[in-house]
């Protein structure tokens, strides 16, 4: 079996090259950093598989995050034209409830989420 150690930058570029994913550079880099940190905390290496990563992680805008993970709040979310005005309020609540799923809040306003 052959093994290759990737730098964070190399891992991010592999994620960006995945035509079936829609990461921003900032998102791919955040995932690579998260996985590197996870590997160090576990004290063990793991196989880097961009398909598995694509299945486990998503990059969402704030509106997409609320639509995908809003069920975690445990109440009905607005579905009318008032949605945009309430999104910030719901996001604040969601950030607390979904803390274990949100691994990064990016500078571009997007979120990297695992699971959810």
C-alpha atoms as a PDB file:
ATOM      1  CA  UNK A   1       0.000   0.000   0.000  1.00  0.00           C
ATOM      2  CA  UNK A   2       1.288   3.433  -0.925  1.00  0.00           C
ATOM      3  CA  UNK A   3       0.777   6.397   1.371  1.00  0.00           C
ATOM      4  CA  UNK A   4       1.255  10.077   0.712  1.00  0.00           C
ATOM      5  CA  UNK A   5       1.274  12.868   3.245  1.00  0.00           C
ATOM      6  CA  UNK A   6      -0.576  15.964   2.062  1.00  0.00           C
ATOM      7  CA  UNK A   7      -0.048  19.521   3.158  1.00  0.00           C
ATOM      8  CA  UNK A   8      -3.111  21.589   3.983  1.00  0.00           C
ATOM      9  CA  UNK A   9      -2.658  23.450   0.715  1.00  0.00           C
ATOM     10  CA  UNK A  10      -2.421  20.228  -1.324  1.00  0.00           C
ATOM     11  CA  UNK A  11      -5.548  18.841   0.337  1.00  0.00           C
ATOM     12  CA  UNK A  12      -7.441  22.077  -0.380  1.00  0.00           C
ATOM     13  CA  UNK A  13      -6.418  21.946  -4.054  1.00  0.00           C
ATOM     14  CA  UNK A  14      -7.607  18.337  -4.333  1.00  0.00           C
ATOM     15  CA  UNK A  15     -10.968  19.380  -2.884  1.00  0.00           C
ATOM     16  CA  UNK A  16     -11.186  22.302  -5.300  1.00  0.00           C
ATOM     17  CA  UNK A  17     -10.455  20.005  -8.247  1.00  0.00           C
ATOM     18  CA  UNK A  18     -13.546  17.926  -7.432  1.00  0.00           C
ATOM     19  CA  UNK A  19     -16.050  18.800 -10.173  1.00  0.00           C
ATOM     20  CA  UNK A  20     -18.892  17.356  -8.085  1.00  0.00           C
ATOM     21  CA  UNK A  21     -18.328  19.741  -5.179  1.00  0.00           C
ATOM     22  CA  UNK A  22     -18.837  23.464  -5.063  1.00  0.00           C
ATOM     23  CA  UNK A  23     -16.308  24.628  -2.495  1.00  0.00           C
ATOM     24  CA  UNK A  24     -14.917  28.093  -2.510  1.00  0.00           C
ATOM     25  CA  UNK A  25     -11.158  28.236  -1.994  1.00  0.00           C
ATOM     26  CA  UNK A  26     -11.782  29.500   1.524  1.00  0.00           C
ATOM     27  CA  UNK A  27     -14.162  26.600   2.192  1.00  0.00           C
ATOM     28  CA  UNK A  28     -11.814  23.935   0.843  1.00  0.00           C
ATOM     29  CA  UNK A  29      -8.980  25.366   2.901  1.00  0.00           C
ATOM     30  CA  UNK A  30     -11.138  25.394   6.061  1.00  0.00           C
ATOM     31  CA  UNK A  31     -12.027  21.725   5.541  1.00  0.00           C
ATOM     32  CA  UNK A  32      -8.375  20.790   4.968  1.00  0.00           C
ATOM     33  CA  UNK A  33      -7.348  22.665   8.134  1.00  0.00           C
ATOM     34  CA  UNK A  34     -10.134  20.999  10.108  1.00  0.00           C
ATOM     35  CA  UNK A  35      -9.103  17.526   8.918  1.00  0.00           C
ATOM     36  CA  UNK A  36      -5.452  18.218   9.689  1.00  0.00           C
ATOM     37  CA  UNK A  37      -6.345  19.361  13.196  1.00  0.00           C
ATOM     38  CA  UNK A  38      -8.606  16.338  13.676  1.00  0.00           C
ATOM     39  CA  UNK A  39      -5.814  14.008  12.597  1.00  0.00           C
ATOM     40  CA  UNK A  40      -3.407  15.644  15.050  1.00  0.00           C
ATOM     41  CA  UNK A  41      -5.937  15.432  17.905  1.00  0.00           C
ATOM     42  CA  UNK A  42      -6.592  11.761  17.162  1.00  0.00           C
ATOM     43  CA  UNK A  43      -2.872  11.078  16.932  1.00  0.00           C
ATOM     44  CA  UNK A  44      -3.508   9.024  13.828  1.00  0.00           C
ATOM     45  CA  UNK A  45      -3.426   9.504  10.087  1.00  0.00           C
ATOM     46  CA  UNK A  46      -6.434   8.706   7.945  1.00  0.00           C
ATOM     47  CA  UNK A  47      -7.091   8.136   4.291  1.00  0.00           C
ATOM     48  CA  UNK A  48      -7.935  11.321   2.402  1.00  0.00           C
ATOM     49  CA  UNK A  49     -10.918  10.623   0.164  1.00  0.00           C
ATOM     50  CA  UNK A  50     -12.450  13.637  -1.538  1.00  0.00           C
ATOM     51  CA  UNK A  51     -15.648  11.710  -2.295  1.00  0.00           C
ATOM     52  CA  UNK A  52     -16.166  10.887   1.393  1.00  0.00           C
ATOM     53  CA  UNK A  53     -15.338  14.482   2.314  1.00  0.00           C
ATOM     54  CA  UNK A  54     -17.853  15.764  -0.250  1.00  0.00           C
ATOM     55  CA  UNK A  55     -20.498  13.523   1.339  1.00  0.00           C
ATOM     56  CA  UNK A  56     -19.668  14.588   4.906  1.00  0.00           C
ATOM     57  CA  UNK A  57     -19.142  18.331   4.486  1.00  0.00           C
ATOM     58  CA  UNK A  58     -21.116  21.124   2.852  1.00  0.00           C
ATOM     59  CA  UNK A  59     -20.531  24.810   2.274  1.00  0.00           C
ATOM     60  CA  UNK A  60     -23.651  26.914   2.757  1.00  0.00           C
ATOM     61  CA  UNK A  61     -24.593  30.553   2.640  1.00  0.00           C
ATOM     62  CA  UNK A  62     -26.534  31.732   5.700  1.00  0.00           C
ATOM     63  CA  UNK A  63     -29.878  31.234   3.920  1.00  0.00           C
ATOM     64  CA  UNK A  64     -28.883  27.753   2.737  1.00  0.00           C
ATOM     65  CA  UNK A  65     -27.690  26.807   6.227  1.00  0.00           C
ATOM     66  CA  UNK A  66     -30.995  27.801   7.769  1.00  0.00           C
ATOM     67  CA  UNK A  67     -32.902  25.905   5.064  1.00  0.00           C
ATOM     68  CA  UNK A  68     -30.775  22.748   5.490  1.00  0.00           C
ATOM     69  CA  UNK A  69     -30.236  22.738   9.266  1.00  0.00           C
ATOM     70  CA  UNK A  70     -33.028  24.926  10.603  1.00  0.00           C
ATOM     71  CA  UNK A  71     -34.889  21.855  11.847  1.00  0.00           C
ATOM     72  CA  UNK A  72     -32.354  21.693  14.695  1.00  0.00           C
ATOM     73  CA  UNK A  73     -33.910  24.788  16.248  1.00  0.00           C
ATOM     74  CA  UNK A  74     -37.080  22.851  16.977  1.00  0.00           C
ATOM     75  CA  UNK A  75     -39.632  25.372  15.782  1.00  0.00           C
ATOM     76  CA  UNK A  76     -41.278  26.339  12.534  1.00  0.00           C
ATOM     77  CA  UNK A  77     -39.231  28.668  10.365  1.00  0.00           C
ATOM     78  CA  UNK A  78     -40.719  31.453   8.297  1.00  0.00           C
ATOM     79  CA  UNK A  79     -41.557  30.465   4.754  1.00  0.00           C
ATOM     80  CA  UNK A  80     -42.885  33.774   3.466  1.00  0.00           C
ATOM     81  CA  UNK A  81     -41.402  36.988   2.156  1.00  0.00           C
ATOM     82  CA  UNK A  82     -40.345  37.962   5.709  1.00  0.00           C
ATOM     83  CA  UNK A  83     -37.690  35.285   5.558  1.00  0.00           C
ATOM     84  CA  UNK A  84     -34.813  37.652   4.725  1.00  0.00           C
ATOM     85  CA  UNK A  85     -35.600  39.952   7.647  1.00  0.00           C
ATOM     86  CA  UNK A  86     -35.725  37.027  10.077  1.00  0.00           C
ATOM     87  CA  UNK A  87     -32.711  35.146   8.719  1.00  0.00           C
ATOM     88  CA  UNK A  88     -30.221  36.905  11.004  1.00  0.00           C
ATOM     89  CA  UNK A  89     -32.318  36.136  14.075  1.00  0.00           C
ATOM     90  CA  UNK A  90     -32.637  32.481  13.084  1.00  0.00           C
ATOM     91  CA  UNK A  91     -28.896  32.301  12.267  1.00  0.00           C
ATOM     92  CA  UNK A  92     -27.951  33.500  15.743  1.00  0.00           C
ATOM     93  CA  UNK A  93     -30.108  30.793  17.278  1.00  0.00           C
ATOM     94  CA  UNK A  94     -28.896  28.159  14.828  1.00  0.00           C
ATOM     95  CA  UNK A  95     -25.218  28.908  15.517  1.00  0.00           C
ATOM     96  CA  UNK A  96     -25.785  27.966  19.151  1.00  0.00           C
ATOM     97  CA  UNK A  97     -27.901  24.870  18.515  1.00  0.00           C
ATOM     98  CA  UNK A  98     -25.814  23.558  15.590  1.00  0.00           C
ATOM     99  CA  UNK A  99     -22.417  24.371  17.077  1.00  0.00           C
ATOM    100  CA  UNK A 100     -21.293  20.738  16.807  1.00  0.00           C
ATOM    101  CA  UNK A 101     -22.068  20.728  13.063  1.00  0.00           C
ATOM    102  CA  UNK A 102     -20.630  24.086  12.050  1.00  0.00           C
ATOM    103  CA  UNK A 103     -16.875  23.676  11.768  1.00  0.00           C
ATOM    104  CA  UNK A 104     -16.082  27.073  10.256  1.00  0.00           C
ATOM    105  CA  UNK A 105     -17.666  30.430   9.604  1.00  0.00           C
ATOM    106  CA  UNK A 106     -15.836  31.809   6.584  1.00  0.00           C
ATOM    107  CA  UNK A 107     -14.839  35.381   5.871  1.00  0.00           C
ATOM    108  CA  UNK A 108     -17.068  35.347   2.776  1.00  0.00           C
ATOM    109  CA  UNK A 109     -20.150  34.812   4.975  1.00  0.00           C
ATOM    110  CA  UNK A 110     -20.468  31.109   4.180  1.00  0.00           C
ATOM    111  CA  UNK A 111     -20.360  28.200   6.626  1.00  0.00           C
ATOM    112  CA  UNK A 112     -18.682  24.809   6.464  1.00  0.00           C
ATOM    113  CA  UNK A 113     -20.944  22.200   8.027  1.00  0.00           C
ATOM    114  CA  UNK A 114     -20.333  18.554   8.828  1.00  0.00           C
ATOM    115  CA  UNK A 115     -23.435  16.412   8.878  1.00  0.00           C
ATOM    116  CA  UNK A 116     -26.640  18.236   9.799  1.00  0.00           C
END
